[in-house]
Every structure is written in C-alpha cells, then in structure tokens.
Amino acid sequence: MIEHIALLKFTPHTTEEQKEELITRTLELKNIIPGIVEIQQGTNFSNRSKGYEMGLTVRFEDRSSLENYGSHPAHQEVVSYLKEIGLEDSIFVDFEMK
C-alpha cells in the first residue's frame, strides 16, 4: 500500500470558503479515481506548521494507482482549482507502507 502526503500553503487572499470547497472537491476523488483506498484532508490547527495550512493524506492500493491519480483528469481539475484560489507552496511525500 502507498501513502501520499501533501501539505498546502495558500496566499493571504485565499478565503475559508475556497478552502472548504477544495476539501469537498478533493474528498470526492475517492468516488471517481480507481485505486484510492482512503482519503483525508483538513485544515491545520497546529502552530508548528511553518505556514502550511492544510494537510492531505491519500492511501492507494499500489504505485500504479498513485501514478494514475497524478494524471487523472479529476485530480487535474482539483490541481487547477488549487492554483486558481492561490496555492503558494506545497510539499509532497510518497512512501510504501510496511
């Protein structure tokens, strides 16, 4: 199984409504993209985040499911929305679970 982790930082102009819409759109990907086992996303409440405001974890069946996710049109729509609302920076980590 593969774990995909993303940390997201937004511009000051990104609204809370836009962030909530992002979460809604992202969580819906589980119903659209094959190979997603579990998906979670939420707003950070910690002061240790170095400005990253949102976290995302996606668990995939295997590496090919992760590869399919990256290029899938539904995921690309979410990426476009992220850019539209003001994504400032992101960090991604992918690892195989033991």
PDB file of N, CA and C in Angstrom:
ATOM      1  N   MET A   1       0.832  -1.169   0.000  1.00  0.00           N
ATOM      2  CA  MET A   1       0.000   0.000   0.000  1.00  0.00           C
ATOM      3  C   MET A   1       0.886   1.245   0.000  1.00  0.00           C
ATOM      4  N   ILE A   2       0.399   2.302  -0.634  1.00  0.00           N
ATOM      5  CA  ILE A   2       1.148   3.542  -0.785  1.00  0.00           C
ATOM      6  C   ILE A   2       0.443   4.664  -0.029  1.00  0.00           C
ATOM      7  N   GLU A   3       1.222   5.453   0.696  1.00  0.00           N
ATOM      8  CA  GLU A   3       0.714   6.635   1.395  1.00  0.00           C
ATOM      9  C   GLU A   3       1.249   7.880   0.687  1.00  0.00           C
ATOM     10  N   HIS A   4       0.345   8.790   0.348  1.00  0.00           N
ATOM     11  CA  HIS A   4       0.671  10.060  -0.304  1.00  0.00           C
ATOM     12  C   HIS A   4       0.289  11.168   0.667  1.00  0.00           C
ATOM     13  N   ILE A   5       1.235  12.035   0.995  1.00  0.00           N
ATOM     14  CA  ILE A   5       1.000  13.121   1.937  1.00  0.00           C
ATOM     15  C   ILE A   5       1.286  14.439   1.237  1.00  0.00           C
ATOM     16  N   ALA A   6       0.391  15.410   1.420  1.00  0.00           N
ATOM     17  CA  ALA A   6       0.590  16.745   0.850  1.00  0.00           C
ATOM     18  C   ALA A   6       0.343  17.780   1.939  1.00  0.00           C
ATOM     19  N   LEU A   7       1.184  18.798   1.958  1.00  0.00           N
ATOM     20  CA  LEU A   7       0.999  19.961   2.822  1.00  0.00           C
ATOM     21  C   LEU A   7       0.825  21.164   1.904  1.00  0.00           C
ATOM     22  N   LEU A   8      -0.166  21.995   2.195  1.00  0.00           N
ATOM     23  CA  LEU A   8      -0.511  23.099   1.308  1.00  0.00           C
ATOM     24  C   LEU A   8      -0.445  24.433   2.040  1.00  0.00           C
ATOM     25  N   LYS A   9       0.116  25.419   1.357  1.00  0.00           N
ATOM     26  CA  LYS A   9       0.196  26.782   1.880  1.00  0.00           C
ATOM     27  C   LYS A   9      -0.489  27.692   0.858  1.00  0.00           C
ATOM     28  N   PHE A  10      -1.342  28.596   1.345  1.00  0.00           N
ATOM     29  CA  PHE A  10      -2.122  29.461   0.474  1.00  0.00           C
ATOM     30  C   PHE A  10      -1.695  30.917   0.594  1.00  0.00           C
ATOM     31  N   THR A  11      -2.043  31.713  -0.408  1.00  0.00           N
ATOM     32  CA  THR A  11      -1.807  33.153  -0.335  1.00  0.00           C
ATOM     33  C   THR A  11      -2.793  33.757   0.663  1.00  0.00           C
ATOM     34  N   PRO A  12      -2.517  34.956   1.155  1.00  0.00           N
ATOM     35  CA  PRO A  12      -3.443  35.598   2.103  1.00  0.00           C
ATOM     36  C   PRO A  12      -4.822  35.882   1.499  1.00  0.00           C
ATOM     37  N   HIS A  13      -4.929  35.870   0.187  1.00  0.00           N
ATOM     38  CA  HIS A  13      -6.200  36.184  -0.481  1.00  0.00           C
ATOM     39  C   HIS A  13      -7.143  34.982  -0.569  1.00  0.00           C
ATOM     40  N   THR A  14      -6.657  33.781  -0.260  1.00  0.00           N
ATOM     41  CA  THR A  14      -7.492  32.583  -0.326  1.00  0.00           C
ATOM     42  C   THR A  14      -8.493  32.611   0.824  1.00  0.00           C
ATOM     43  N   THR A  15      -9.782  32.473   0.504  1.00  0.00           N
ATOM     44  CA  THR A  15     -10.829  32.559   1.531  1.00  0.00           C
ATOM     45  C   THR A  15     -11.075  31.193   2.190  1.00  0.00           C
ATOM     46  N   GLU A  16     -11.696  31.229   3.355  1.00  0.00           N
ATOM     47  CA  GLU A  16     -12.065  29.997   4.043  1.00  0.00           C
ATOM     48  C   GLU A  16     -13.073  29.203   3.217  1.00  0.00           C
ATOM     49  N   GLU A  17     -13.949  29.891   2.525  1.00  0.00           N
ATOM     50  CA  GLU A  17     -14.930  29.222   1.667  1.00  0.00           C
ATOM     51  C   GLU A  17     -14.235  28.462   0.543  1.00  0.00           C
ATOM     52  N   GLN A  18     -13.215  29.062  -0.042  1.00  0.00           N
ATOM     53  CA  GLN A  18     -12.460  28.392  -1.105  1.00  0.00           C
ATOM     54  C   GLN A  18     -11.741  27.158  -0.566  1.00  0.00           C
ATOM     55  N   LYS A  19     -11.206  27.261   0.633  1.00  0.00           N
ATOM     56  CA  LYS A  19     -10.529  26.111   1.248  1.00  0.00           C
ATOM     57  C   LYS A  19     -11.520  24.983   1.522  1.00  0.00           C
ATOM     58  N   GLU A  20     -12.706  25.325   1.998  1.00  0.00           N
ATOM     59  CA  GLU A  20     -13.736  24.309   2.249  1.00  0.00           C
ATOM     60  C   GLU A  20     -14.176  23.657   0.935  1.00  0.00           C
ATOM     61  N   GLU A  21     -14.297  24.452  -0.118  1.00  0.00           N
ATOM     62  CA  GLU A  21     -14.651  23.905  -1.426  1.00  0.00           C
ATOM     63  C   GLU A  21     -13.559  22.965  -1.925  1.00  0.00           C
ATOM     64  N   LEU A  22     -12.310  23.313  -1.679  1.00  0.00           N
ATOM     65  CA  LEU A  22     -11.197  22.443  -2.050  1.00  0.00           C
ATOM     66  C   LEU A  22     -11.318  21.092  -1.354  1.00  0.00           C
ATOM     67  N   ILE A  23     -11.595  21.110  -0.063  1.00  0.00           N
ATOM     68  CA  ILE A  23     -11.744  19.863   0.694  1.00  0.00           C
ATOM     69  C   ILE A  23     -12.872  19.023   0.103  1.00  0.00           C
ATOM     70  N   THR A  24     -13.992  19.642  -0.176  1.00  0.00           N
ATOM     71  CA  THR A  24     -15.132  18.924  -0.762  1.00  0.00           C
ATOM     72  C   THR A  24     -14.739  18.276  -2.078  1.00  0.00           C
ATOM     73  N   ARG A  25     -14.100  19.035  -2.943  1.00  0.00           N
ATOM     74  CA  ARG A  25     -13.695  18.507  -4.256  1.00  0.00           C
ATOM     75  C   ARG A  25     -12.675  17.382  -4.117  1.00  0.00           C
ATOM     76  N   THR A  26     -11.739  17.555  -3.206  1.00  0.00           N
ATOM     77  CA  THR A  26     -10.690  16.548  -3.023  1.00  0.00           C
ATOM     78  C   THR A  26     -11.265  15.235  -2.495  1.00  0.00           C
ATOM     79  N   LEU A  27     -12.107  15.303  -1.486  1.00  0.00           N
ATOM     80  CA  LEU A  27     -12.667  14.085  -0.903  1.00  0.00           C
ATOM     81  C   LEU A  27     -13.511  13.308  -1.901  1.00  0.00           C
ATOM     82  N   GLU A  28     -14.109  13.998  -2.852  1.00  0.00           N
ATOM     83  CA  GLU A  28     -14.934  13.351  -3.867  1.00  0.00           C
ATOM     84  C   GLU A  28     -14.093  12.470  -4.800  1.00  0.00           C
ATOM     85  N   LEU A  29     -12.784  12.711  -4.860  1.00  0.00           N
ATOM     86  CA  LEU A  29     -11.923  11.931  -5.750  1.00  0.00           C
ATOM     87  C   LEU A  29     -11.972  10.440  -5.441  1.00  0.00           C
ATOM     88  N   LYS A  30     -12.250  10.088  -4.189  1.00  0.00           N
ATOM     89  CA  LYS A  30     -12.325   8.660  -3.835  1.00  0.00           C
ATOM     90  C   LYS A  30     -13.410   7.941  -4.627  1.00  0.00           C
ATOM     91  N   ASN A  31     -14.473   8.660  -4.961  1.00  0.00           N
ATOM     92  CA  ASN A  31     -15.579   8.082  -5.716  1.00  0.00           C
ATOM     93  C   ASN A  31     -15.352   8.097  -7.222  1.00  0.00           C
ATOM     94  N   ILE A  32     -14.267   8.710  -7.659  1.00  0.00           N
ATOM     95  CA  ILE A  32     -14.022   8.897  -9.089  1.00  0.00           C
ATOM     96  C   ILE A  32     -12.788   8.146  -9.582  1.00  0.00           C
ATOM     97  N   ILE A  33     -11.707   8.189  -8.808  1.00  0.00           N
ATOM     98  CA  ILE A  33     -10.424   7.647  -9.259  1.00  0.00           C
ATOM     99  C   ILE A  33     -10.206   6.256  -8.677  1.00  0.00           C
ATOM    100  N   PRO A  34     -10.011   5.267  -9.529  1.00  0.00           N
ATOM    101  CA  PRO A  34      -9.763   3.900  -9.044  1.00  0.00           C
ATOM    102  C   PRO A  34      -8.447   3.808  -8.267  1.00  0.00           C
ATOM    103  N   GLY A  35      -8.416   2.915  -7.292  1.00  0.00           N
ATOM    104  CA  GLY A  35      -7.187   2.641  -6.545  1.00  0.00           C
ATOM    105  C   GLY A  35      -7.033   3.427  -5.269  1.00  0.00           C
ATOM    106  N   ILE A  36      -7.931   4.400  -5.008  1.00  0.00           N
ATOM    107  CA  ILE A  36      -7.877   5.130  -3.741  1.00  0.00           C
ATOM    108  C   ILE A  36      -8.564   4.292  -2.673  1.00  0.00           C
ATOM    109  N   VAL A  37      -7.824   3.974  -1.616  1.00  0.00           N
ATOM    110  CA  VAL A  37      -8.361   3.198  -0.502  1.00  0.00           C
ATOM    111  C   VAL A  37      -9.001   4.130   0.517  1.00  0.00           C
ATOM    112  N   GLU A  38      -8.309   5.237   0.796  1.00  0.00           N
ATOM    113  CA  GLU A  38      -8.777   6.200   1.793  1.00  0.00           C
ATOM    114  C   GLU A  38      -8.223   7.570   1.455  1.00  0.00           C
ATOM    115  N   ILE A  39      -8.992   8.607   1.732  1.00  0.00           N
ATOM    116  CA  ILE A  39      -8.524   9.973   1.506  1.00  0.00           C
ATOM    117  C   ILE A  39      -9.035  10.847   2.641  1.00  0.00           C
ATOM    118  N   GLN A  40      -8.136  11.670   3.183  1.00  0.00           N
ATOM    119  CA  GLN A  40      -8.473  12.581   4.280  1.00  0.00           C
ATOM    120  C   GLN A  40      -7.835  13.934   3.977  1.00  0.00           C
ATOM    121  N   GLN A  41      -8.548  14.993   4.308  1.00  0.00           N
ATOM    122  CA  GLN A  41      -7.989  16.332   4.142  1.00  0.00           C
ATOM    123  C   GLN A  41      -8.590  17.235   5.198  1.00  0.00           C
ATOM    124  N   GLY A  42      -7.785  18.146   5.737  1.00  0.00           N
ATOM    125  CA  GLY A  42      -8.295  19.057   6.747  1.00  0.00           C
ATOM    126  C   GLY A  42      -7.385  20.243   6.952  1.00  0.00           C
ATOM    127  N   THR A  43      -7.916  21.206   7.687  1.00  0.00           N
ATOM    128  CA  THR A  43      -7.206  22.441   7.984  1.00  0.00           C
ATOM    129  C   THR A  43      -6.337  22.257   9.224  1.00  0.00           C
ATOM    130  N   ASN A  44      -5.121  22.709   9.151  1.00  0.00           N
ATOM    131  CA  ASN A  44      -4.167  22.592  10.244  1.00  0.00           C
ATOM    132  C   ASN A  44      -4.578  23.486  11.419  1.00  0.00           C
ATOM    133  N   PHE A  45      -4.438  22.982  12.627  1.00  0.00           N
ATOM    134  CA  PHE A  45      -4.683  23.796  13.822  1.00  0.00           C
ATOM    135  C   PHE A  45      -3.417  23.979  14.655  1.00  0.00           C
ATOM    136  N   SER A  46      -2.310  23.407  14.224  1.00  0.00           N
ATOM    137  CA  SER A  46      -1.056  23.469  14.966  1.00  0.00           C
ATOM    138  C   SER A  46      -0.284  24.742  14.636  1.00  0.00           C
ATOM    139  N   ASN A  47       0.480  25.227  15.607  1.00  0.00           N
ATOM    140  CA  ASN A  47       1.334  26.380  15.342  1.00  0.00           C
ATOM    141  C   ASN A  47       2.750  25.942  14.951  1.00  0.00           C
ATOM    142  N   ARG A  48       2.924  24.652  14.644  1.00  0.00           N
ATOM    143  CA  ARG A  48       4.231  24.109  14.261  1.00  0.00           C
ATOM    144  C   ARG A  48       4.322  23.856  12.769  1.00  0.00           C
ATOM    145  N   SER A  49       3.453  24.448  11.982  1.00  0.00           N
ATOM    146  CA  SER A  49       3.286  24.066  10.587  1.00  0.00           C
ATOM    147  C   SER A  49       4.120  24.866   9.590  1.00  0.00           C
ATOM    148  N   LYS A  50       4.854  25.862  10.060  1.00  0.00           N
ATOM    149  CA  LYS A  50       5.668  26.713   9.196  1.00  0.00           C
ATOM    150  C   LYS A  50       4.843  27.337   8.070  1.00  0.00           C
ATOM    151  N   GLY A  51       3.592  27.648   8.385  1.00  0.00           N
ATOM    152  CA  GLY A  51       2.721  28.335   7.436  1.00  0.00           C
ATOM    153  C   GLY A  51       1.899  27.431   6.540  1.00  0.00           C
ATOM    154  N   TYR A  52       2.102  26.124   6.615  1.00  0.00           N
ATOM    155  CA  TYR A  52       1.295  25.200   5.816  1.00  0.00           C
ATOM    156  C   TYR A  52      -0.048  25.042   6.513  1.00  0.00           C
ATOM    157  N   GLU A  53      -1.108  25.337   5.775  1.00  0.00           N
ATOM    158  CA  GLU A  53      -2.434  25.480   6.366  1.00  0.00           C
ATOM    159  C   GLU A  53      -3.328  24.259   6.228  1.00  0.00           C
ATOM    160  N   MET A  54      -2.957  23.339   5.336  1.00  0.00           N
ATOM    161  CA  MET A  54      -3.835  22.201   5.085  1.00  0.00           C
ATOM    162  C   MET A  54      -3.013  20.954   4.841  1.00  0.00           C
ATOM    163  N   GLY A  55      -3.531  19.839   5.325  1.00  0.00           N
ATOM    164  CA  GLY A  55      -2.883  18.555   5.097  1.00  0.00           C
ATOM    165  C   GLY A  55      -3.798  17.628   4.316  1.00  0.00           C
ATOM    166  N   LEU A  56      -3.181  16.733   3.561  1.00  0.00           N
ATOM    167  CA  LEU A  56      -3.899  15.744   2.770  1.00  0.00           C
ATOM    168  C   LEU A  56      -3.168  14.423   2.878  1.00  0.00           C
ATOM    169  N   THR A  57      -3.908  13.349   3.114  1.00  0.00           N
ATOM    170  CA  THR A  57      -3.334  12.012   3.018  1.00  0.00           C
ATOM    171  C   THR A  57      -4.234  11.186   2.102  1.00  0.00           C
ATOM    172  N   VAL A  58      -3.593  10.451   1.205  1.00  0.00           N
ATOM    173  CA  VAL A  58      -4.318   9.543   0.322  1.00  0.00           C
ATOM    174  C   VAL A  58      -3.607   8.204   0.380  1.00  0.00           C
ATOM    175  N   ARG A  59      -4.360   7.166   0.648  1.00  0.00           N
ATOM    176  CA  ARG A  59      -3.825   5.802   0.673  1.00  0.00           C
ATOM    177  C   ARG A  59      -4.263   5.106  -0.617  1.00  0.00           C
ATOM    178  N   PHE A  60      -3.271   4.537  -1.320  1.00  0.00           N
ATOM    179  CA  PHE A  60      -3.510   3.875  -2.596  1.00  0.00           C
ATOM    180  C   PHE A  60      -3.228   2.386  -2.488  1.00  0.00           C
ATOM    181  N   GLU A  61      -3.879   1.628  -3.346  1.00  0.00           N
ATOM    182  CA  GLU A  61      -3.659   0.183  -3.395  1.00  0.00           C
ATOM    183  C   GLU A  61      -2.211  -0.150  -3.739  1.00  0.00           C
ATOM    184  N   ASP A  62      -1.633   0.596  -4.689  1.00  0.00           N
ATOM    185  CA  ASP A  62      -0.283   0.300  -5.166  1.00  0.00           C
ATOM    186  C   ASP A  62       0.285   1.516  -5.899  1.00  0.00           C
ATOM    187  N   ARG A  63       1.531   1.402  -6.347  1.00  0.00           N
ATOM    188  CA  ARG A  63       2.189   2.515  -7.020  1.00  0.00           C
ATOM    189  C   ARG A  63       1.501   2.910  -8.324  1.00  0.00           C
ATOM    190  N   SER A  64       0.988   1.937  -9.054  1.00  0.00           N
ATOM    191  CA  SER A  64       0.320   2.284 -10.315  1.00  0.00           C
ATOM    192  C   SER A  64      -0.953   3.091 -10.046  1.00  0.00           C
ATOM    193  N   SER A  65      -1.616   2.853  -8.930  1.00  0.00           N
ATOM    194  CA  SER A  65      -2.788   3.662  -8.563  1.00  0.00           C
ATOM    195  C   SER A  65      -2.379   5.103  -8.278  1.00  0.00           C
ATOM    196  N   LEU A  66      -1.247   5.297  -7.609  1.00  0.00           N
ATOM    197  CA  LEU A  66      -0.719   6.647  -7.359  1.00  0.00           C
ATOM    198  C   LEU A  66      -0.385   7.333  -8.678  1.00  0.00           C
ATOM    199  N   GLU A  67       0.260   6.613  -9.588  1.00  0.00           N
ATOM    200  CA  GLU A  67       0.610   7.192 -10.889  1.00  0.00           C
ATOM    201  C   GLU A  67      -0.640   7.582 -11.665  1.00  0.00           C
ATOM    202  N   ASN A  68      -1.666   6.742 -11.626  1.00  0.00           N
ATOM    203  CA  ASN A  68      -2.921   7.042 -12.311  1.00  0.00           C
ATOM    204  C   ASN A  68      -3.591   8.275 -11.700  1.00  0.00           C
ATOM    205  N   TYR A  69      -3.537   8.405 -10.395  1.00  0.00           N
ATOM    206  CA  TYR A  69      -4.112   9.543  -9.673  1.00  0.00           C
ATOM    207  C   TYR A  69      -3.505  10.855 -10.157  1.00  0.00           C
ATOM    208  N   GLY A  70      -2.187  10.880 -10.284  1.00  0.00           N
ATOM    209  CA  GLY A  70      -1.497  12.113 -10.660  1.00  0.00           C
ATOM    210  C   GLY A  70      -1.950  12.674 -11.989  1.00  0.00           C
ATOM    211  N   SER A  71      -2.199  11.817 -12.942  1.00  0.00           N
ATOM    212  CA  SER A  71      -2.569  12.275 -14.281  1.00  0.00           C
ATOM    213  C   SER A  71      -4.067  12.224 -14.556  1.00  0.00           C
ATOM    214  N   HIS A  72      -4.838  11.712 -13.624  1.00  0.00           N
ATOM    215  CA  HIS A  72      -6.282  11.565 -13.833  1.00  0.00           C
ATOM    216  C   HIS A  72      -6.937  12.948 -14.011  1.00  0.00           C
ATOM    217  N   PRO A  73      -7.840  13.094 -14.994  1.00  0.00           N
ATOM    218  CA  PRO A  73      -8.489  14.390 -15.240  1.00  0.00           C
ATOM    219  C   PRO A  73      -9.192  14.986 -14.015  1.00  0.00           C
ATOM    220  N   ALA A  74      -9.807  14.158 -13.179  1.00  0.00           N
ATOM    221  CA  ALA A  74     -10.485  14.675 -11.985  1.00  0.00           C
ATOM    222  C   ALA A  74      -9.475  15.271 -10.998  1.00  0.00           C
ATOM    223  N   HIS A  75      -8.332  14.638 -10.857  1.00  0.00           N
ATOM    224  CA  HIS A  75      -7.281  15.180  -9.993  1.00  0.00           C
ATOM    225  C   HIS A  75      -6.723  16.469 -10.590  1.00  0.00           C
ATOM    226  N   GLN A  76      -6.535  16.489 -11.897  1.00  0.00           N
ATOM    227  CA  GLN A  76      -6.025  17.690 -12.555  1.00  0.00           C
ATOM    228  C   GLN A  76      -6.979  18.872 -12.391  1.00  0.00           C
ATOM    229  N   GLU A  77      -8.287  18.613 -12.326  1.00  0.00           N
ATOM    230  CA  GLU A  77      -9.261  19.681 -12.062  1.00  0.00           C
ATOM    231  C   GLU A  77      -9.055  20.265 -10.668  1.00  0.00           C
ATOM    232  N   VAL A  78      -8.776  19.407  -9.688  1.00  0.00           N
ATOM    233  CA  VAL A  78      -8.516  19.880  -8.326  1.00  0.00           C
ATOM    234  C   VAL A  78      -7.223  20.699  -8.300  1.00  0.00           C
ATOM    235  N   VAL A  79      -6.197  20.236  -9.015  1.00  0.00           N
ATOM    236  CA  VAL A  79      -4.930  20.974  -9.090  1.00  0.00           C
ATOM    237  C   VAL A  79      -5.165  22.354  -9.703  1.00  0.00           C
ATOM    238  N   SER A  80      -5.966  22.425 -10.751  1.00  0.00           N
ATOM    239  CA  SER A  80      -6.281  23.708 -11.387  1.00  0.00           C
ATOM    240  C   SER A  80      -7.020  24.631 -10.412  1.00  0.00           C
ATOM    241  N   TYR A  81      -7.954  24.061  -9.655  1.00  0.00           N
ATOM    242  CA  TYR A  81      -8.676  24.860  -8.662  1.00  0.00           C
ATOM    243  C   TYR A  81      -7.720  25.377  -7.590  1.00  0.00           C
ATOM    244  N   LEU A  82      -6.798  24.539  -7.152  1.00  0.00           N
ATOM    245  CA  LEU A  82      -5.789  24.964  -6.176  1.00  0.00           C
ATOM    246  C   LEU A  82      -5.027  26.188  -6.667  1.00  0.00           C
ATOM    247  N   LYS A  83      -4.579  26.142  -7.902  1.00  0.00           N
ATOM    248  CA  LYS A  83      -3.835  27.267  -8.478  1.00  0.00           C
ATOM    249  C   LYS A  83      -4.719  28.505  -8.583  1.00  0.00           C
ATOM    250  N   GLU A  84      -5.981  28.281  -8.949  1.00  0.00           N
ATOM    251  CA  GLU A  84      -6.933  29.375  -9.116  1.00  0.00           C
ATOM    252  C   GLU A  84      -7.186  30.117  -7.809  1.00  0.00           C
ATOM    253  N   ILE A  85      -7.278  29.389  -6.692  1.00  0.00           N
ATOM    254  CA  ILE A  85      -7.602  30.026  -5.411  1.00  0.00           C
ATOM    255  C   ILE A  85      -6.373  30.567  -4.687  1.00  0.00           C
ATOM    256  N   GLY A  86      -5.179  30.266  -5.173  1.00  0.00           N
ATOM    257  CA  GLY A  86      -3.997  30.870  -4.576  1.00  0.00           C
ATOM    258  C   GLY A  86      -3.091  29.925  -3.811  1.00  0.00           C
ATOM    259  N   LEU A  87      -2.746  28.806  -4.410  1.00  0.00           N
ATOM    260  CA  LEU A  87      -1.755  27.925  -3.789  1.00  0.00           C
ATOM    261  C   LEU A  87      -0.400  28.617  -3.852  1.00  0.00           C
ATOM    262  N   GLU A  88       0.219  28.802  -2.697  1.00  0.00           N
ATOM    263  CA  GLU A  88       1.518  29.459  -2.629  1.00  0.00           C
ATOM    264  C   GLU A  88       2.669  28.463  -2.663  1.00  0.00           C
ATOM    265  N   ASP A  89       2.493  27.325  -1.963  1.00  0.00           N
ATOM    266  CA  ASP A  89       3.556  26.331  -1.899  1.00  0.00           C
ATOM    267  C   ASP A  89       2.950  24.990  -1.485  1.00  0.00           C
ATOM    268  N   SER A  90       3.669  23.929  -1.787  1.00  0.00           N
ATOM    269  CA  SER A  90       3.226  22.594  -1.395  1.00  0.00           C
ATOM    270  C   SER A  90       4.430  21.693  -1.195  1.00  0.00           C
ATOM    271  N   ILE A  91       4.244  20.694  -0.353  1.00  0.00           N
ATOM    272  CA  ILE A  91       5.248  19.661  -0.104  1.00  0.00           C
ATOM    273  C   ILE A  91       4.542  18.319  -0.255  1.00  0.00           C
ATOM    274  N   PHE A  92       5.192  17.376  -0.933  1.00  0.00           N
ATOM    275  CA  PHE A  92       4.614  16.054  -1.141  1.00  0.00           C
ATOM    276  C   PHE A  92       5.593  14.986  -0.695  1.00  0.00           C
ATOM    277  N   VAL A  93       5.056  13.933  -0.070  1.00  0.00           N
ATOM    278  CA  VAL A  93       5.833  12.776   0.327  1.00  0.00           C
ATOM    279  C   VAL A  93       5.015  11.538  -0.050  1.00  0.00           C
ATOM    280  N   ASP A  94       5.669  10.581  -0.698  1.00  0.00           N
ATOM    281  CA  ASP A  94       5.041   9.309  -1.046  1.00  0.00           C
ATOM    282  C   ASP A  94       5.916   8.192  -0.500  1.00  0.00           C
ATOM    283  N   PHE A  95       5.289   7.220   0.173  1.00  0.00           N
ATOM    284  CA  PHE A  95       6.074   6.088   0.651  1.00  0.00           C
ATOM    285  C   PHE A  95       5.243   4.821   0.651  1.00  0.00           C
ATOM    286  N   GLU A  96       5.963   3.700   0.581  1.00  0.00           N
ATOM    287  CA  GLU A  96       5.318   2.410   0.628  1.00  0.00           C
ATOM    288  C   GLU A  96       5.202   1.987   2.077  1.00  0.00           C
ATOM    289  N   MET A  97       4.006   1.599   2.466  1.00  0.00           N
ATOM    290  CA  MET A  97       3.762   1.215   3.854  1.00  0.00           C
ATOM    291  C   MET A  97       4.315  -0.182   4.103  1.00  0.00           C
ATOM    292  N   LYS A  98       4.894  -0.362   5.262  1.00  0.00           N
ATOM    293  CA  LYS A  98       5.471  -1.657   5.648  1.00  0.00           C
ATOM    294  C   LYS A  98       4.472  -2.483   6.398  1.00  0.00           C
TER     295      LYS A  98
END
